[in-house]
Amino acid sequence: MLTKKKKLLFICTENLQRSPTAEELVNTSPKFKDYTARSAGTSITAVSQITKTLIEWSDIIFVFNEKYEKHKTILLKKFPNLKKKIIDLDIPDRYYRNDPELIKILKIKLKKYLLD
């Protein structure tokens, strides 16, 4: 019997570095075989902006940094009826896409929420 994959949505500011790295990690790593991921940004200049469709698609939403970038606050302001689980990964905007250090941090942080 096929099990339905959990849908993860990763949100950073510009959708250039952190969230696409997380999306790619989840979608290509055998460790995350029970999940599928997409990513978006909160900024109007983001490569892929957060939309109601993406919010509805997701099961769990991960934001990268509430403390300094207010990702969760922006989401809740833009989508006031949002009832999905939102997890703050607390990863600052200082990594480039596919940075080995970022990938290492993502694996550690995601393990707390996704893996047995």
PDB file of N, CA and C in Angstrom:
ATOM      1  N   MET A   1       0.838  -1.189   0.000  1.00  0.00           N
ATOM      2  CA  MET A   1       0.000   0.000   0.000  1.00  0.00           C
ATOM      3  C   MET A   1       0.881   1.251   0.000  1.00  0.00           C
ATOM      4  N   LEU A   2       0.556   2.172  -0.845  1.00  0.00           N
ATOM      5  CA  LEU A   2       1.316   3.419  -0.911  1.00  0.00           C
ATOM      6  C   LEU A   2       0.916   4.354   0.221  1.00  0.00           C
ATOM      7  N   THR A   3       1.935   4.909   0.876  1.00  0.00           N
ATOM      8  CA  THR A   3       1.634   5.900   1.911  1.00  0.00           C
ATOM      9  C   THR A   3       1.779   7.279   1.295  1.00  0.00           C
ATOM     10  N   LYS A   4       0.892   8.152   1.696  1.00  0.00           N
ATOM     11  CA  LYS A   4       0.911   9.507   1.172  1.00  0.00           C
ATOM     12  C   LYS A   4       2.057  10.288   1.810  1.00  0.00           C
ATOM     13  N   LYS A   5       2.839  10.951   0.977  1.00  0.00           N
ATOM     14  CA  LYS A   5       3.958  11.744   1.490  1.00  0.00           C
ATOM     15  C   LYS A   5       3.443  13.002   2.167  1.00  0.00           C
ATOM     16  N   LYS A   6       4.079  13.343   3.293  1.00  0.00           N
ATOM     17  CA  LYS A   6       3.762  14.625   3.961  1.00  0.00           C
ATOM     18  C   LYS A   6       4.359  15.748   3.143  1.00  0.00           C
ATOM     19  N   LYS A   7       3.610  16.838   3.023  1.00  0.00           N
ATOM     20  CA  LYS A   7       4.040  17.970   2.205  1.00  0.00           C
ATOM     21  C   LYS A   7       4.611  19.073   3.093  1.00  0.00           C
ATOM     22  N   LEU A   8       5.861  19.422   2.840  1.00  0.00           N
ATOM     23  CA  LEU A   8       6.565  20.431   3.615  1.00  0.00           C
ATOM     24  C   LEU A   8       6.773  21.680   2.780  1.00  0.00           C
ATOM     25  N   LEU A   9       6.507  22.824   3.382  1.00  0.00           N
ATOM     26  CA  LEU A   9       6.716  24.098   2.711  1.00  0.00           C
ATOM     27  C   LEU A   9       7.767  24.879   3.489  1.00  0.00           C
ATOM     28  N   PHE A  10       8.838  25.261   2.804  1.00  0.00           N
ATOM     29  CA  PHE A  10       9.926  26.022   3.418  1.00  0.00           C
ATOM     30  C   PHE A  10       9.843  27.468   2.959  1.00  0.00           C
ATOM     31  N   ILE A  11       9.889  28.384   3.931  1.00  0.00           N
ATOM     32  CA  ILE A  11       9.739  29.798   3.607  1.00  0.00           C
ATOM     33  C   ILE A  11      10.877  30.622   4.192  1.00  0.00           C
ATOM     34  N   CYS A  12      11.564  31.354   3.299  1.00  0.00           N
ATOM     35  CA  CYS A  12      12.569  32.333   3.729  1.00  0.00           C
ATOM     36  C   CYS A  12      12.154  33.676   3.122  1.00  0.00           C
ATOM     37  N   THR A  13      13.077  34.571   2.965  1.00  0.00           N
ATOM     38  CA  THR A  13      12.710  35.902   2.484  1.00  0.00           C
ATOM     39  C   THR A  13      12.649  35.974   0.958  1.00  0.00           C
ATOM     40  N   GLU A  14      13.747  35.671   0.295  1.00  0.00           N
ATOM     41  CA  GLU A  14      13.835  35.837  -1.161  1.00  0.00           C
ATOM     42  C   GLU A  14      13.663  34.545  -1.962  1.00  0.00           C
ATOM     43  N   ASN A  15      13.623  33.392  -1.285  1.00  0.00           N
ATOM     44  CA  ASN A  15      13.534  32.103  -1.971  1.00  0.00           C
ATOM     45  C   ASN A  15      14.721  31.901  -2.917  1.00  0.00           C
ATOM     46  N   LEU A  16      15.883  32.343  -2.462  1.00  0.00           N
ATOM     47  CA  LEU A  16      17.102  32.213  -3.263  1.00  0.00           C
ATOM     48  C   LEU A  16      18.093  31.212  -2.683  1.00  0.00           C
ATOM     49  N   GLN A  17      18.260  31.217  -1.370  1.00  0.00           N
ATOM     50  CA  GLN A  17      19.331  30.425  -0.756  1.00  0.00           C
ATOM     51  C   GLN A  17      18.791  29.321   0.167  1.00  0.00           C
ATOM     52  N   ARG A  18      18.223  29.728   1.296  1.00  0.00           N
ATOM     53  CA  ARG A  18      17.859  28.762   2.333  1.00  0.00           C
ATOM     54  C   ARG A  18      16.690  27.860   1.959  1.00  0.00           C
ATOM     55  N   SER A  19      15.550  28.440   1.598  1.00  0.00           N
ATOM     56  CA  SER A  19      14.378  27.587   1.336  1.00  0.00           C
ATOM     57  C   SER A  19      14.558  26.672   0.114  1.00  0.00           C
ATOM     58  N   PRO A  20      15.192  27.127  -0.977  1.00  0.00           N
ATOM     59  CA  PRO A  20      15.424  26.185  -2.081  1.00  0.00           C
ATOM     60  C   PRO A  20      16.393  25.056  -1.692  1.00  0.00           C
ATOM     61  N   THR A  21      17.343  25.366  -0.814  1.00  0.00           N
ATOM     62  CA  THR A  21      18.270  24.333  -0.341  1.00  0.00           C
ATOM     63  C   THR A  21      17.504  23.277   0.439  1.00  0.00           C
ATOM     64  N   ALA A  22      16.610  23.710   1.321  1.00  0.00           N
ATOM     65  CA  ALA A  22      15.806  22.766   2.106  1.00  0.00           C
ATOM     66  C   ALA A  22      14.890  21.940   1.208  1.00  0.00           C
ATOM     67  N   GLU A  23      14.273  22.601   0.232  1.00  0.00           N
ATOM     68  CA  GLU A  23      13.404  21.897  -0.713  1.00  0.00           C
ATOM     69  C   GLU A  23      14.171  20.806  -1.442  1.00  0.00           C
ATOM     70  N   GLU A  24      15.327  21.150  -1.965  1.00  0.00           N
ATOM     71  CA  GLU A  24      16.149  20.188  -2.698  1.00  0.00           C
ATOM     72  C   GLU A  24      16.619  19.045  -1.791  1.00  0.00           C
ATOM     73  N   LEU A  25      17.016  19.385  -0.574  1.00  0.00           N
ATOM     74  CA  LEU A  25      17.472  18.363   0.373  1.00  0.00           C
ATOM     75  C   LEU A  25      16.380  17.331   0.623  1.00  0.00           C
ATOM     76  N   VAL A  26      15.190  17.804   0.924  1.00  0.00           N
ATOM     77  CA  VAL A  26      14.073  16.886   1.212  1.00  0.00           C
ATOM     78  C   VAL A  26      13.708  16.063  -0.023  1.00  0.00           C
ATOM     79  N   ASN A  27      13.684  16.695  -1.173  1.00  0.00           N
ATOM     80  CA  ASN A  27      13.235  16.000  -2.385  1.00  0.00           C
ATOM     81  C   ASN A  27      14.270  15.052  -2.981  1.00  0.00           C
ATOM     82  N   THR A  28      15.528  15.159  -2.553  1.00  0.00           N
ATOM     83  CA  THR A  28      16.565  14.290  -3.138  1.00  0.00           C
ATOM     84  C   THR A  28      17.209  13.318  -2.149  1.00  0.00           C
ATOM     85  N   SER A  29      17.011  13.521  -0.866  1.00  0.00           N
ATOM     86  CA  SER A  29      17.658  12.671   0.128  1.00  0.00           C
ATOM     87  C   SER A  29      16.786  11.474   0.498  1.00  0.00           C
ATOM     88  N   PRO A  30      17.371  10.264   0.456  1.00  0.00           N
ATOM     89  CA  PRO A  30      16.615   9.069   0.862  1.00  0.00           C
ATOM     90  C   PRO A  30      16.125   9.151   2.317  1.00  0.00           C
ATOM     91  N   LYS A  31      16.811   9.945   3.144  1.00  0.00           N
ATOM     92  CA  LYS A  31      16.398  10.122   4.545  1.00  0.00           C
ATOM     93  C   LYS A  31      14.998  10.704   4.654  1.00  0.00           C
ATOM     94  N   PHE A  32      14.603  11.472   3.654  1.00  0.00           N
ATOM     95  CA  PHE A  32      13.313  12.152   3.691  1.00  0.00           C
ATOM     96  C   PHE A  32      12.328  11.561   2.690  1.00  0.00           C
ATOM     97  N   LYS A  33      12.423  10.270   2.465  1.00  0.00           N
ATOM     98  CA  LYS A  33      11.613   9.616   1.441  1.00  0.00           C
ATOM     99  C   LYS A  33      10.104   9.698   1.690  1.00  0.00           C
ATOM    100  N   ASP A  34       9.705   9.946   2.930  1.00  0.00           N
ATOM    101  CA  ASP A  34       8.283  10.037   3.260  1.00  0.00           C
ATOM    102  C   ASP A  34       7.723  11.457   3.122  1.00  0.00           C
ATOM    103  N   TYR A  35       8.547  12.354   2.568  1.00  0.00           N
ATOM    104  CA  TYR A  35       8.166  13.762   2.464  1.00  0.00           C
ATOM    105  C   TYR A  35       8.391  14.293   1.049  1.00  0.00           C
ATOM    106  N   THR A  36       7.663  15.329   0.737  1.00  0.00           N
ATOM    107  CA  THR A  36       7.904  16.084  -0.486  1.00  0.00           C
ATOM    108  C   THR A  36       7.909  17.555  -0.083  1.00  0.00           C
ATOM    109  N   ALA A  37       8.683  18.362  -0.787  1.00  0.00           N
ATOM    110  CA  ALA A  37       8.839  19.752  -0.356  1.00  0.00           C
ATOM    111  C   ALA A  37       8.718  20.739  -1.509  1.00  0.00           C
ATOM    112  N   ARG A  38       8.310  21.952  -1.115  1.00  0.00           N
ATOM    113  CA  ARG A  38       8.309  23.105  -2.010  1.00  0.00           C
ATOM    114  C   ARG A  38       8.827  24.280  -1.200  1.00  0.00           C
ATOM    115  N   SER A  39       9.128  25.373  -1.878  1.00  0.00           N
ATOM    116  CA  SER A  39       9.649  26.531  -1.143  1.00  0.00           C
ATOM    117  C   SER A  39       9.127  27.823  -1.744  1.00  0.00           C
ATOM    118  N   ALA A  40       9.205  28.874  -0.917  1.00  0.00           N
ATOM    119  CA  ALA A  40       8.734  30.198  -1.348  1.00  0.00           C
ATOM    120  C   ALA A  40       9.380  31.248  -0.457  1.00  0.00           C
ATOM    121  N   GLY A  41       9.146  32.519  -0.843  1.00  0.00           N
ATOM    122  CA  GLY A  41       9.686  33.633  -0.071  1.00  0.00           C
ATOM    123  C   GLY A  41       8.591  34.596   0.342  1.00  0.00           C
ATOM    124  N   THR A  42       8.870  35.366   1.384  1.00  0.00           N
ATOM    125  CA  THR A  42       7.891  36.332   1.893  1.00  0.00           C
ATOM    126  C   THR A  42       7.971  37.679   1.177  1.00  0.00           C
ATOM    127  N   SER A  43       9.095  37.973   0.549  1.00  0.00           N
ATOM    128  CA  SER A  43       9.305  39.266  -0.098  1.00  0.00           C
ATOM    129  C   SER A  43       8.569  39.355  -1.435  1.00  0.00           C
ATOM    130  N   ILE A  44       8.161  40.579  -1.790  1.00  0.00           N
ATOM    131  CA  ILE A  44       7.531  40.763  -3.103  1.00  0.00           C
ATOM    132  C   ILE A  44       8.529  40.547  -4.237  1.00  0.00           C
ATOM    133  N   THR A  45       9.820  40.547  -3.896  1.00  0.00           N
ATOM    134  CA  THR A  45      10.859  40.297  -4.908  1.00  0.00           C
ATOM    135  C   THR A  45      11.351  38.844  -4.888  1.00  0.00           C
ATOM    136  N   ALA A  46      10.693  37.987  -4.139  1.00  0.00           N
ATOM    137  CA  ALA A  46      11.104  36.577  -4.044  1.00  0.00           C
ATOM    138  C   ALA A  46      10.983  35.882  -5.399  1.00  0.00           C
ATOM    139  N   VAL A  47      11.865  34.921  -5.623  1.00  0.00           N
ATOM    140  CA  VAL A  47      11.834  34.119  -6.850  1.00  0.00           C
ATOM    141  C   VAL A  47      10.459  33.465  -6.990  1.00  0.00           C
ATOM    142  N   SER A  48       9.996  32.838  -5.921  1.00  0.00           N
ATOM    143  CA  SER A  48       8.655  32.261  -5.868  1.00  0.00           C
ATOM    144  C   SER A  48       7.998  32.791  -4.597  1.00  0.00           C
ATOM    145  N   GLN A  49       6.999  33.636  -4.770  1.00  0.00           N
ATOM    146  CA  GLN A  49       6.323  34.232  -3.613  1.00  0.00           C
ATOM    147  C   GLN A  49       5.342  33.250  -2.975  1.00  0.00           C
ATOM    148  N   ILE A  50       5.178  33.403  -1.671  1.00  0.00           N
ATOM    149  CA  ILE A  50       4.220  32.573  -0.958  1.00  0.00           C
ATOM    150  C   ILE A  50       2.811  32.880  -1.466  1.00  0.00           C
ATOM    151  N   THR A  51       2.032  31.819  -1.687  1.00  0.00           N
ATOM    152  CA  THR A  51       0.661  31.984  -2.188  1.00  0.00           C
ATOM    153  C   THR A  51      -0.300  31.153  -1.340  1.00  0.00           C
ATOM    154  N   LYS A  52      -1.567  31.467  -1.450  1.00  0.00           N
ATOM    155  CA  LYS A  52      -2.607  30.697  -0.764  1.00  0.00           C
ATOM    156  C   LYS A  52      -2.578  29.244  -1.244  1.00  0.00           C
ATOM    157  N   THR A  53      -2.325  29.043  -2.517  1.00  0.00           N
ATOM    158  CA  THR A  53      -2.266  27.695  -3.087  1.00  0.00           C
ATOM    159  C   THR A  53      -1.158  26.871  -2.425  1.00  0.00           C
ATOM    160  N   LEU A  54       0.022  27.477  -2.244  1.00  0.00           N
ATOM    161  CA  LEU A  54       1.124  26.773  -1.581  1.00  0.00           C
ATOM    162  C   LEU A  54       0.783  26.459  -0.127  1.00  0.00           C
ATOM    163  N   ILE A  55       0.169  27.419   0.547  1.00  0.00           N
ATOM    164  CA  ILE A  55      -0.232  27.217   1.942  1.00  0.00           C
ATOM    165  C   ILE A  55      -1.209  26.037   2.018  1.00  0.00           C
ATOM    166  N   GLU A  56      -2.199  26.033   1.155  1.00  0.00           N
ATOM    167  CA  GLU A  56      -3.193  24.955   1.150  1.00  0.00           C
ATOM    168  C   GLU A  56      -2.582  23.606   0.801  1.00  0.00           C
ATOM    169  N   TRP A  57      -1.579  23.604  -0.058  1.00  0.00           N
ATOM    170  CA  TRP A  57      -0.906  22.371  -0.468  1.00  0.00           C
ATOM    171  C   TRP A  57      -0.161  21.720   0.691  1.00  0.00           C
ATOM    172  N   SER A  58       0.408  22.526   1.570  1.00  0.00           N
ATOM    173  CA  SER A  58       1.318  22.022   2.601  1.00  0.00           C
ATOM    174  C   SER A  58       0.622  21.380   3.788  1.00  0.00           C
ATOM    175  N   ASP A  59       1.367  20.460   4.435  1.00  0.00           N
ATOM    176  CA  ASP A  59       0.941  19.867   5.710  1.00  0.00           C
ATOM    177  C   ASP A  59       1.641  20.580   6.867  1.00  0.00           C
ATOM    178  N   ILE A  60       2.910  20.892   6.679  1.00  0.00           N
ATOM    179  CA  ILE A  60       3.708  21.580   7.695  1.00  0.00           C
ATOM    180  C   ILE A  60       4.478  22.706   7.015  1.00  0.00           C
ATOM    181  N   ILE A  61       4.536  23.851   7.685  1.00  0.00           N
ATOM    182  CA  ILE A  61       5.273  24.998   7.155  1.00  0.00           C
ATOM    183  C   ILE A  61       6.482  25.261   8.048  1.00  0.00           C
ATOM    184  N   PHE A  62       7.627  25.376   7.411  1.00  0.00           N
ATOM    185  CA  PHE A  62       8.861  25.730   8.113  1.00  0.00           C
ATOM    186  C   PHE A  62       9.276  27.127   7.680  1.00  0.00           C
ATOM    187  N   VAL A  63       9.457  28.015   8.647  1.00  0.00           N
ATOM    188  CA  VAL A  63       9.999  29.335   8.345  1.00  0.00           C
ATOM    189  C   VAL A  63      11.450  29.341   8.821  1.00  0.00           C
ATOM    190  N   PHE A  64      12.249  30.177   8.205  1.00  0.00           N
ATOM    191  CA  PHE A  64      13.668  30.163   8.531  1.00  0.00           C
ATOM    192  C   PHE A  64      14.074  31.061   9.686  1.00  0.00           C
ATOM    193  N   ASN A  65      13.429  32.203   9.843  1.00  0.00           N
ATOM    194  CA  ASN A  65      13.883  33.077  10.917  1.00  0.00           C
ATOM    195  C   ASN A  65      12.809  34.071  11.335  1.00  0.00           C
ATOM    196  N   GLU A  66      12.155  33.766  12.433  1.00  0.00           N
ATOM    197  CA  GLU A  66      11.132  34.670  12.954  1.00  0.00           C
ATOM    198  C   GLU A  66      11.764  35.846  13.698  1.00  0.00           C
ATOM    199  N   LYS A  67      12.800  35.576  14.452  1.00  0.00           N
ATOM    200  CA  LYS A  67      13.386  36.597  15.324  1.00  0.00           C
ATOM    201  C   LYS A  67      13.806  37.859  14.568  1.00  0.00           C
ATOM    202  N   TYR A  68      14.529  37.693  13.475  1.00  0.00           N
ATOM    203  CA  TYR A  68      15.040  38.856  12.744  1.00  0.00           C
ATOM    204  C   TYR A  68      14.297  39.177  11.457  1.00  0.00           C
ATOM    205  N   GLU A  69      13.724  38.156  10.832  1.00  0.00           N
ATOM    206  CA  GLU A  69      13.088  38.375   9.531  1.00  0.00           C
ATOM    207  C   GLU A  69      11.561  38.301   9.568  1.00  0.00           C
ATOM    208  N   LYS A  70      11.015  37.895  10.703  1.00  0.00           N
ATOM    209  CA  LYS A  70       9.560  37.896  10.930  1.00  0.00           C
ATOM    210  C   LYS A  70       8.772  37.061   9.923  1.00  0.00           C
ATOM    211  N   HIS A  71       9.330  35.934   9.495  1.00  0.00           N
ATOM    212  CA  HIS A  71       8.654  35.108   8.499  1.00  0.00           C
ATOM    213  C   HIS A  71       7.272  34.642   8.968  1.00  0.00           C
ATOM    214  N   LYS A  72       7.175  34.160  10.212  1.00  0.00           N
ATOM    215  CA  LYS A  72       5.881  33.679  10.720  1.00  0.00           C
ATOM    216  C   LYS A  72       4.895  34.838  10.846  1.00  0.00           C
ATOM    217  N   THR A  73       5.363  35.962  11.352  1.00  0.00           N
ATOM    218  CA  THR A  73       4.515  37.146  11.503  1.00  0.00           C
ATOM    219  C   THR A  73       3.962  37.597  10.155  1.00  0.00           C
ATOM    220  N   ILE A  74       4.817  37.630   9.138  1.00  0.00           N
ATOM    221  CA  ILE A  74       4.402  38.024   7.785  1.00  0.00           C
ATOM    222  C   ILE A  74       3.350  37.052   7.247  1.00  0.00           C
ATOM    223  N   LEU A  75       3.587  35.761   7.438  1.00  0.00           N
ATOM    224  CA  LEU A  75       2.636  34.742   6.977  1.00  0.00           C
ATOM    225  C   LEU A  75       1.265  34.931   7.624  1.00  0.00           C
ATOM    226  N   LEU A  76       1.263  35.098   8.942  1.00  0.00           N
ATOM    227  CA  LEU A  76      -0.002  35.217   9.662  1.00  0.00           C
ATOM    228  C   LEU A  76      -0.728  36.521   9.334  1.00  0.00           C
ATOM    229  N   LYS A  77       0.038  37.540   8.980  1.00  0.00           N
ATOM    230  CA  LYS A  77      -0.575  38.812   8.576  1.00  0.00           C
ATOM    231  C   LYS A  77      -1.205  38.673   7.185  1.00  0.00           C
ATOM    232  N   LYS A  78      -0.479  37.997   6.296  1.00  0.00           N
ATOM    233  CA  LYS A  78      -0.953  37.830   4.917  1.00  0.00           C
ATOM    234  C   LYS A  78      -2.087  36.802   4.825  1.00  0.00           C
ATOM    235  N   PHE A  79      -2.022  35.791   5.694  1.00  0.00           N
ATOM    236  CA  PHE A  79      -3.025  34.723   5.698  1.00  0.00           C
ATOM    237  C   PHE A  79      -3.583  34.587   7.121  1.00  0.00           C
ATOM    238  N   PRO A  80      -4.478  35.504   7.526  1.00  0.00           N
ATOM    239  CA  PRO A  80      -4.944  35.533   8.917  1.00  0.00           C
ATOM    240  C   PRO A  80      -5.682  34.273   9.382  1.00  0.00           C
ATOM    241  N   ASN A  81      -6.211  33.496   8.465  1.00  0.00           N
ATOM    242  CA  ASN A  81      -6.935  32.270   8.844  1.00  0.00           C
ATOM    243  C   ASN A  81      -6.065  31.022   8.812  1.00  0.00           C
ATOM    244  N   LEU A  82      -4.771  31.225   8.704  1.00  0.00           N
ATOM    245  CA  LEU A  82      -3.824  30.111   8.619  1.00  0.00           C
ATOM    246  C   LEU A  82      -3.864  29.278   9.894  1.00  0.00           C
ATOM    247  N   LYS A  83      -4.146  27.995   9.751  1.00  0.00           N
ATOM    248  CA  LYS A  83      -4.243  27.096  10.901  1.00  0.00           C
ATOM    249  C   LYS A  83      -3.199  25.970  10.857  1.00  0.00           C
ATOM    250  N   LYS A  84      -2.312  26.012   9.905  1.00  0.00           N
ATOM    251  CA  LYS A  84      -1.302  24.957   9.767  1.00  0.00           C
ATOM    252  C   LYS A  84      -0.210  25.110  10.822  1.00  0.00           C
ATOM    253  N   LYS A  85       0.460  24.007  11.077  1.00  0.00           N
ATOM    254  CA  LYS A  85       1.597  24.033  12.001  1.00  0.00           C
ATOM    255  C   LYS A  85       2.745  24.797  11.330  1.00  0.00           C
ATOM    256  N   ILE A  86       3.276  25.797  12.048  1.00  0.00           N
ATOM    257  CA  ILE A  86       4.405  26.589  11.538  1.00  0.00           C
ATOM    258  C   ILE A  86       5.568  26.412  12.497  1.00  0.00           C
ATOM    259  N   ILE A  87       6.680  25.953  11.965  1.00  0.00           N
ATOM    260  CA  ILE A  87       7.874  25.711  12.773  1.00  0.00           C
ATOM    261  C   ILE A  87       8.972  26.671  12.349  1.00  0.00           C
ATOM    262  N   ASP A  88       9.543  27.356  13.330  1.00  0.00           N
ATOM    263  CA  ASP A  88      10.653  28.286  13.066  1.00  0.00           C
ATOM    264  C   ASP A  88      11.967  27.519  13.195  1.00  0.00           C
ATOM    265  N   LEU A  89      12.696  27.418  12.091  1.00  0.00           N
ATOM    266  CA  LEU A  89      13.990  26.726  12.107  1.00  0.00           C
ATOM    267  C   LEU A  89      15.095  27.577  12.722  1.00  0.00           C
ATOM    268  N   ASP A  90      14.862  28.879  12.842  1.00  0.00           N
ATOM    269  CA  ASP A  90      15.826  29.801  13.444  1.00  0.00           C
ATOM    270  C   ASP A  90      17.209  29.689  12.775  1.00  0.00           C
ATOM    271  N   ILE A  91      17.204  29.784  11.445  1.00  0.00           N
ATOM    272  CA  ILE A  91      18.443  29.759  10.664  1.00  0.00           C
ATOM    273  C   ILE A  91      18.580  31.121   9.985  1.00  0.00           C
ATOM    274  N   PRO A  92      19.609  31.885  10.369  1.00  0.00           N
ATOM    275  CA  PRO A  92      19.771  33.240   9.823  1.00  0.00           C
ATOM    276  C   PRO A  92      20.154  33.252   8.340  1.00  0.00           C
ATOM    277  N   ASP A  93      19.963  34.407   7.745  1.00  0.00           N
ATOM    278  CA  ASP A  93      20.241  34.597   6.321  1.00  0.00           C
ATOM    279  C   ASP A  93      21.724  34.884   6.106  1.00  0.00           C
ATOM    280  N   ARG A  94      22.557  33.873   6.278  1.00  0.00           N
ATOM    281  CA  ARG A  94      23.988  34.057   6.056  1.00  0.00           C
ATOM    282  C   ARG A  94      24.617  32.892   5.290  1.00  0.00           C
ATOM    283  N   TYR A  95      23.768  32.119   4.627  1.00  0.00           N
ATOM    284  CA  TYR A  95      24.260  30.964   3.873  1.00  0.00           C
ATOM    285  C   TYR A  95      23.903  31.102   2.405  1.00  0.00           C
ATOM    286  N   TYR A  96      24.775  30.545   1.573  1.00  0.00           N
ATOM    287  CA  TYR A  96      24.486  30.475   0.148  1.00  0.00           C
ATOM    288  C   TYR A  96      23.752  29.175  -0.148  1.00  0.00           C
ATOM    289  N   ARG A  97      23.115  29.137  -1.293  1.00  0.00           N
ATOM    290  CA  ARG A  97      22.387  27.933  -1.704  1.00  0.00           C
ATOM    291  C   ARG A  97      23.318  26.725  -1.719  1.00  0.00           C
ATOM    292  N   ASN A  98      22.829  25.645  -1.145  1.00  0.00           N
ATOM    293  CA  ASN A  98      23.539  24.366  -1.051  1.00  0.00           C
ATOM    294  C   ASN A  98      24.857  24.434  -0.277  1.00  0.00           C
ATOM    295  N   ASP A  99      25.000  25.436   0.580  1.00  0.00           N
ATOM    296  CA  ASP A  99      26.167  25.546   1.461  1.00  0.00           C
ATOM    297  C   ASP A  99      26.204  24.289   2.341  1.00  0.00           C
ATOM    298  N   PRO A 100      27.339  23.576   2.380  1.00  0.00           N
ATOM    299  CA  PRO A 100      27.427  22.351   3.190  1.00  0.00           C
ATOM    300  C   PRO A 100      27.066  22.577   4.664  1.00  0.00           C
ATOM    301  N   GLU A 101      27.415  23.727   5.192  1.00  0.00           N
ATOM    302  CA  GLU A 101      27.071  24.041   6.587  1.00  0.00           C
ATOM    303  C   GLU A 101      25.553  24.188   6.751  1.00  0.00           C
ATOM    304  N   LEU A 102      24.902  24.833   5.791  1.00  0.00           N
ATOM    305  CA  LEU A 102      23.453  24.983   5.823  1.00  0.00           C
ATOM    306  C   LEU A 102      22.783  23.608   5.745  1.00  0.00           C
ATOM    307  N   ILE A 103      23.253  22.764   4.879  1.00  0.00           N
ATOM    308  CA  ILE A 103      22.693  21.414   4.732  1.00  0.00           C
ATOM    309  C   ILE A 103      22.848  20.629   6.031  1.00  0.00           C
ATOM    310  N   LYS A 104      23.996  20.741   6.656  1.00  0.00           N
ATOM    311  CA  LYS A 104      24.247  20.062   7.931  1.00  0.00           C
ATOM    312  C   LYS A 104      23.266  20.548   9.001  1.00  0.00           C
ATOM    313  N   ILE A 105      23.090  21.860   9.106  1.00  0.00           N
ATOM    314  CA  ILE A 105      22.161  22.445  10.077  1.00  0.00           C
ATOM    315  C   ILE A 105      20.729  22.004   9.780  1.00  0.00           C
ATOM    316  N   LEU A 106      20.340  22.022   8.522  1.00  0.00           N
ATOM    317  CA  LEU A 106      18.990  21.598   8.140  1.00  0.00           C
ATOM    318  C   LEU A 106      18.730  20.147   8.538  1.00  0.00           C
ATOM    319  N   LYS A 107      19.679  19.265   8.285  1.00  0.00           N
ATOM    320  CA  LYS A 107      19.513  17.851   8.639  1.00  0.00           C
ATOM    321  C   LYS A 107      19.294  17.692  10.138  1.00  0.00           C
ATOM    322  N   ILE A 108      20.072  18.405  10.930  1.00  0.00           N
ATOM    323  CA  ILE A 108      19.953  18.336  12.390  1.00  0.00           C
ATOM    324  C   ILE A 108      18.593  18.869  12.849  1.00  0.00           C
ATOM    325  N   LYS A 109      18.223  20.037  12.351  1.00  0.00           N
ATOM    326  CA  LYS A 109      16.972  20.661  12.794  1.00  0.00           C
ATOM    327  C   LYS A 109      15.746  19.886  12.305  1.00  0.00           C
ATOM    328  N   LEU A 110      15.772  19.439  11.061  1.00  0.00           N
ATOM    329  CA  LEU A 110      14.616  18.711  10.526  1.00  0.00           C
ATOM    330  C   LEU A 110      14.419  17.365  11.205  1.00  0.00           C
ATOM    331  N   LYS A 111      15.511  16.766  11.631  1.00  0.00           N
ATOM    332  CA  LYS A 111      15.434  15.459  12.301  1.00  0.00           C
ATOM    333  C   LYS A 111      14.529  15.548  13.536  1.00  0.00           C
ATOM    334  N   LYS A 112      14.549  16.678  14.217  1.00  0.00           N
ATOM    335  CA  LYS A 112      13.719  16.860  15.416  1.00  0.00           C
ATOM    336  C   LYS A 112      12.231  16.798  15.098  1.00  0.00           C
ATOM    337  N   TYR A 113      11.867  17.221  13.892  1.00  0.00           N
ATOM    338  CA  TYR A 113      10.460  17.330  13.530  1.00  0.00           C
ATOM    339  C   TYR A 113       9.958  16.247  12.593  1.00  0.00           C
ATOM    340  N   LEU A 114      10.863  15.608  11.871  1.00  0.00           N
ATOM    341  CA  LEU A 114      10.410  14.717  10.795  1.00  0.00           C
ATOM    342  C   LEU A 114      10.766  13.247  10.940  1.00  0.00           C
ATOM    343  N   LEU A 115      11.880  12.962  11.555  1.00  0.00           N
ATOM    344  CA  LEU A 115      12.320  11.576  11.568  1.00  0.00           C
ATOM    345  C   LEU A 115      12.099  10.914  12.911  1.00  0.00           C
ATOM    346  N   ASP A 116      11.891   9.629  12.876  1.00  0.00           N
ATOM    347  CA  ASP A 116      11.672   8.856  14.120  1.00  0.00           C
ATOM    348  C   ASP A 116      12.907   8.834  14.987  1.00  0.00           C
TER     349      ASP A 116
END
